[in-house]
Amino acid sequence: MHLLVPAVLPNSREDLERAVALFEKMPTVTRVQIDTVDGQFARPASWPYTDVRAFRSMAERGELLPAIERFEYEIDLMNLDAERAGDVWLSLGASRLTFHAESTTDLPRLLERMHLRHSAGPGFRSGLVSFGVALNLASDLPIIERSLELADYVQFMGIRQIGRQGQPFDRRVYERVRAFRKRYPDIPVQVDGGVKLSEAKELAALGVSNVIVGSGLLRAADPVAEAAKYADLENSYGV
C-alpha cells in the first residue's frame, strides 16, 4: 500500500479520463479516489451529478472505470444518496466507498445494508470491497464511534468546506488524528483535503496510512515528479 492516493473531482467523464491518464504515468500510484458532490450535501455539483442519466447508462451497459486493471478505485461519496450511488459505483468496478457521517441520520444502519448486499460472508474482510467513514472538521468523534466495527478505515477531512479542491489545510487535523490513533490504534486512518508534501510528512509520522491529494498534485508544475516525492516518504516512515 502506498502513502499517496491521488484524488480527482471531475467535471465530466472526459475530465476523469484525462486525470486517470495522468495518474497512469505515476509508477507508485495504485489507487485513485474519485470525489463526487451532489450539489446538496456539498456544493457545487460534480460529475456524475451533472449528467446522472449518462452515468447510470454506463452501469446498465456493463462499462467499467478507466484503467481498472491498473487502479483500485475509491469513491468519496459527498452526497445524500450515497447508498444508492455506492451500488452503481461498485458495479462500475470501484472497490472502496467512503461514506460521510453527516450525510445520513443512521450511519451504522447504512453500513449494515451495504454489508448485506456486497459482502459475501468473510470475503468482505479479504479486501474485495471496503467501506470507510469520513468525518468533517466540525464534527465530533462520537458520531462515528458506533460505526467503527463496520468500517475498514476512517477518513479525516483536512479542510473546512468539503467538495472543493484547492482549500488550505487545517492544522487541527493533526490533533484529531493523534487522539484517534491513540484510542483506536488498529483502525487505518487517511486524511483528505488540503494535503501537500509538507503536511504529508507530519501525517505519515503520526501513523496515517494514506494521504488523499488533489490540487496539491494536479496543480503542481510537474505532477509526475511531485508524486515521486511521496514515494520517498514511504521509505522514511515505513508506510
Protein backbone atom coordinates (compact mmCIF):
# COMPACT_ATOMS: atom_id res chain seq x y z
CA MET A 1 0.00 0.00 0.00
CA HIS A 2 1.35 3.39 -0.97
CA LEU A 3 1.00 6.59 1.04
CA LEU A 4 -0.19 8.75 -1.85
CA VAL A 5 -3.71 8.38 -3.23
CA PRO A 6 -4.41 10.96 -5.97
CA ALA A 7 -7.90 12.47 -6.00
CA VAL A 8 -9.88 13.85 -8.88
CA LEU A 9 -13.04 15.97 -8.64
CA PRO A 10 -14.26 15.59 -12.24
CA ASN A 11 -16.48 18.00 -14.11
CA SER A 12 -17.22 15.37 -16.75
CA ARG A 13 -16.40 11.82 -17.73
CA GLU A 14 -13.74 13.18 -20.07
CA ASP A 15 -12.23 15.12 -17.18
CA LEU A 16 -11.99 11.88 -15.19
CA GLU A 17 -10.35 10.07 -18.08
CA ARG A 18 -7.74 12.83 -18.52
CA ALA A 19 -6.84 12.67 -14.84
CA VAL A 20 -6.56 8.88 -14.89
CA ALA A 21 -4.30 9.06 -17.94
CA LEU A 22 -2.01 11.35 -15.94
CA PHE A 23 -2.06 9.04 -12.91
CA GLU A 24 -1.01 6.16 -15.16
CA LYS A 25 2.33 7.95 -15.59
CA MET A 26 2.96 7.73 -11.84
CA PRO A 27 4.59 4.32 -11.16
CA THR A 28 3.81 4.10 -7.44
CA VAL A 29 0.13 5.08 -7.72
CA THR A 30 -2.12 2.05 -7.34
CA ARG A 31 -5.30 3.65 -6.01
CA VAL A 32 -7.34 6.63 -7.18
CA GLN A 33 -10.05 8.48 -5.29
CA ILE A 34 -12.95 9.95 -7.23
CA ASP A 35 -14.68 12.77 -5.36
CA THR A 36 -18.41 13.01 -6.03
CA VAL A 37 -20.51 16.01 -4.98
CA ASP A 38 -24.28 16.11 -5.39
CA GLY A 39 -24.85 19.85 -5.04
CA GLN A 40 -26.99 19.29 -1.93
CA PHE A 41 -24.87 17.74 0.79
CA ALA A 42 -21.94 19.72 -0.61
CA ARG A 43 -21.61 22.25 -3.45
CA PRO A 44 -21.11 22.73 -6.33
CA ALA A 45 -22.24 19.54 -8.02
CA SER A 46 -19.60 17.48 -9.81
CA TRP A 47 -19.80 14.65 -12.32
CA PRO A 48 -21.74 12.36 -12.38
CA TYR A 49 -24.40 14.61 -10.82
CA THR A 50 -24.04 16.92 -13.81
CA ASP A 51 -25.07 14.02 -16.09
CA VAL A 52 -26.79 11.36 -13.99
CA ARG A 53 -28.59 9.71 -16.89
CA ALA A 54 -25.37 9.02 -18.78
CA PHE A 55 -23.72 7.75 -15.60
CA ARG A 56 -26.45 5.23 -14.92
CA SER A 57 -26.37 4.24 -18.57
CA MET A 58 -22.70 3.29 -18.13
CA ALA A 59 -23.68 0.80 -15.45
CA GLU A 60 -26.55 -0.58 -17.50
CA ARG A 61 -24.17 -1.23 -20.41
CA GLY A 62 -21.72 -3.01 -18.11
CA GLU A 63 -18.95 -0.46 -18.56
CA LEU A 64 -16.03 -0.24 -16.13
CA LEU A 65 -13.96 2.65 -14.85
CA PRO A 66 -10.91 3.62 -16.94
CA ALA A 67 -7.67 1.66 -16.39
CA ILE A 68 -9.50 -0.67 -13.99
CA GLU A 69 -6.76 -3.25 -14.49
CA ARG A 70 -4.23 -0.79 -13.09
CA PHE A 71 -6.05 1.07 -10.32
CA GLU A 72 -8.18 0.34 -7.31
CA TYR A 73 -10.92 2.97 -7.15
CA GLU A 74 -12.18 4.63 -4.01
CA ILE A 75 -15.29 6.80 -4.21
CA ASP A 76 -15.70 9.68 -1.76
CA LEU A 77 -19.48 9.98 -1.56
CA MET A 78 -20.24 13.58 -0.67
CA ASN A 79 -23.91 13.14 -1.43
CA LEU A 80 -27.23 12.43 0.24
CA ASP A 81 -27.96 9.41 -1.95
CA ALA A 82 -24.66 7.78 -1.02
CA GLU A 83 -26.11 4.30 -0.53
CA ARG A 84 -27.81 4.15 -3.92
CA ALA A 85 -24.89 5.82 -5.67
CA GLY A 86 -22.48 3.44 -3.98
CA ASP A 87 -24.24 0.47 -5.55
CA VAL A 88 -23.72 1.97 -9.02
CA TRP A 89 -20.05 2.74 -8.42
CA LEU A 90 -19.40 -0.82 -7.26
CA SER A 91 -20.98 -2.12 -10.47
CA LEU A 92 -18.50 0.04 -12.41
CA GLY A 93 -15.56 -1.57 -10.65
CA ALA A 94 -14.98 0.57 -7.58
CA SER A 95 -13.90 -1.41 -4.53
CA ARG A 96 -13.81 1.22 -1.77
CA LEU A 97 -16.63 3.52 -0.71
CA THR A 98 -16.27 6.37 1.77
CA PHE A 99 -19.47 7.48 3.48
CA HIS A 100 -19.66 10.85 5.21
CA ALA A 101 -21.12 10.55 8.68
CA GLU A 102 -23.02 13.81 8.28
CA SER A 103 -24.81 12.68 5.10
CA THR A 104 -27.08 10.19 6.87
CA THR A 105 -29.13 10.00 10.05
CA ASP A 106 -28.18 6.37 10.69
CA LEU A 107 -24.62 5.56 9.62
CA PRO A 108 -24.47 2.12 11.30
CA ARG A 109 -27.65 1.02 9.52
CA LEU A 110 -26.35 2.28 6.17
CA LEU A 111 -23.16 0.28 6.59
CA GLU A 112 -25.10 -2.79 7.65
CA ARG A 113 -27.20 -2.65 4.49
CA MET A 114 -24.11 -2.27 2.33
CA HIS A 115 -22.56 -5.27 4.03
CA LEU A 116 -25.62 -7.37 3.38
CA ARG A 117 -25.66 -6.54 -0.32
CA HIS A 118 -21.97 -6.52 -1.12
CA SER A 119 -20.04 -8.64 1.36
CA ALA A 120 -20.36 -12.34 0.70
CA GLY A 121 -19.55 -13.50 4.19
CA PRO A 122 -15.87 -13.33 5.13
CA GLY A 123 -14.94 -12.16 1.63
CA PHE A 124 -15.68 -8.61 2.72
CA ARG A 125 -12.74 -8.59 5.09
CA SER A 126 -10.44 -10.01 2.43
CA GLY A 127 -10.35 -6.58 0.81
CA LEU A 128 -12.63 -7.29 -2.15
CA VAL A 129 -14.90 -4.45 -1.03
CA SER A 130 -14.10 -1.92 1.69
CA PHE A 131 -16.22 0.69 3.39
CA GLY A 132 -14.90 3.73 5.22
CA VAL A 133 -16.40 6.58 7.18
CA ALA A 134 -15.41 10.23 6.80
CA LEU A 135 -15.61 12.86 9.50
CA ASN A 136 -15.79 16.59 8.81
CA LEU A 137 -13.72 19.09 10.77
CA ALA A 138 -16.76 20.49 12.56
CA SER A 139 -17.98 17.06 13.70
CA ASP A 140 -17.03 15.21 16.85
CA LEU A 141 -15.81 11.62 17.06
CA PRO A 142 -18.91 10.19 18.81
CA ILE A 143 -20.98 10.40 15.62
CA ILE A 144 -18.86 7.64 14.03
CA GLU A 145 -17.90 5.55 17.06
CA ARG A 146 -20.94 3.25 16.81
CA SER A 147 -19.95 2.55 13.20
CA LEU A 148 -16.29 1.71 13.69
CA GLU A 149 -16.81 -2.04 13.95
CA LEU A 150 -18.42 -1.90 10.49
CA ALA A 151 -15.77 0.27 8.85
CA ASP A 152 -12.41 -0.65 7.36
CA TYR A 153 -10.92 2.81 7.70
CA VAL A 154 -11.62 6.35 8.87
CA GLN A 155 -11.06 9.43 6.75
CA PHE A 156 -10.48 12.76 8.48
CA MET A 157 -11.24 15.79 6.35
CA GLY A 158 -8.46 18.38 6.36
CA ILE A 159 -10.49 21.31 5.05
CA ARG A 160 -13.41 23.31 6.40
CA GLN A 161 -15.65 23.14 3.34
CA ILE A 162 -15.76 19.76 1.66
CA GLY A 163 -16.39 19.30 -2.04
CA ARG A 164 -13.94 21.89 -3.36
CA GLN A 165 -10.28 21.36 -4.14
CA GLY A 166 -7.62 23.97 -3.52
CA GLN A 167 -8.52 24.93 0.05
CA PRO A 168 -5.83 25.36 2.72
CA PHE A 169 -5.06 22.53 5.10
CA ASP A 170 -6.41 22.96 8.62
CA ARG A 171 -3.78 22.02 11.19
CA ARG A 172 -6.40 20.97 13.74
CA VAL A 173 -6.44 17.66 11.90
CA TYR A 174 -3.10 16.70 13.43
CA GLU A 175 -4.53 16.59 16.94
CA ARG A 176 -7.66 14.78 15.76
CA VAL A 177 -5.55 12.09 14.13
CA ARG A 178 -3.23 11.83 17.13
CA ALA A 179 -6.15 11.37 19.54
CA PHE A 180 -7.90 8.85 17.30
CA ARG A 181 -4.76 6.76 16.75
CA LYS A 182 -4.18 6.62 20.49
CA ARG A 183 -7.72 5.43 21.12
CA TYR A 184 -8.09 3.15 18.07
CA PRO A 185 -4.57 2.10 17.05
CA ASP A 186 -5.69 -0.74 14.79
CA ILE A 187 -8.05 1.21 12.53
CA PRO A 188 -6.38 2.60 9.39
CA VAL A 189 -6.59 6.37 9.04
CA GLN A 190 -6.41 8.53 5.95
CA VAL A 191 -6.59 12.30 5.58
CA ASP A 192 -8.22 14.11 2.69
CA GLY A 193 -8.26 17.80 1.84
CA GLY A 194 -5.57 20.45 1.54
CA VAL A 195 -2.71 17.96 1.88
CA LYS A 196 0.61 18.79 0.26
CA LEU A 197 4.04 17.27 0.76
CA SER A 198 4.83 19.17 3.96
CA GLU A 199 1.57 18.06 5.60
CA ALA A 200 2.03 14.52 4.34
CA LYS A 201 5.34 14.28 6.20
CA GLU A 202 3.72 15.16 9.53
CA LEU A 203 0.74 12.89 8.89
CA ALA A 204 2.97 9.95 7.99
CA ALA A 205 4.87 10.49 11.25
CA LEU A 206 1.53 10.21 13.08
CA GLY A 207 0.85 6.84 11.50
CA VAL A 208 -1.58 7.87 8.78
CA SER A 209 -1.89 5.11 6.19
CA ASN A 210 -2.85 7.25 3.22
CA VAL A 211 -2.99 10.90 2.23
CA ILE A 212 -5.55 11.86 -0.39
CA VAL A 213 -4.06 14.59 -2.58
CA GLY A 214 -5.98 16.51 -5.23
CA SER A 215 -4.93 20.05 -6.10
CA GLY A 216 -1.56 19.63 -4.38
CA LEU A 217 -0.72 17.10 -7.07
CA LEU A 218 -2.77 18.14 -10.10
CA ARG A 219 -1.73 21.79 -9.86
CA ALA A 220 1.96 21.05 -9.35
CA ALA A 221 4.36 22.25 -12.04
CA ASP A 222 5.27 18.60 -12.70
CA PRO A 223 2.63 16.25 -11.20
CA VAL A 224 4.61 13.10 -12.02
CA ALA A 225 7.74 14.40 -10.27
CA GLU A 226 5.60 15.58 -7.34
CA ALA A 227 4.09 12.11 -6.96
CA ALA A 228 7.58 10.61 -6.81
CA LYS A 229 8.35 12.69 -3.72
CA TYR A 230 5.63 10.89 -1.79
CA ALA A 231 7.32 7.57 -2.54
CA ASP A 232 10.39 8.88 -0.71
CA LEU A 233 8.22 9.45 2.37
CA GLU A 234 7.17 5.80 2.34
CA ASN A 235 10.82 4.81 2.70
CA SER A 236 11.35 7.31 5.50
CA TYR A 237 8.35 6.29 7.62
CA GLY A 238 7.83 2.68 6.55
CA VAL A 239 4.32 3.32 5.29
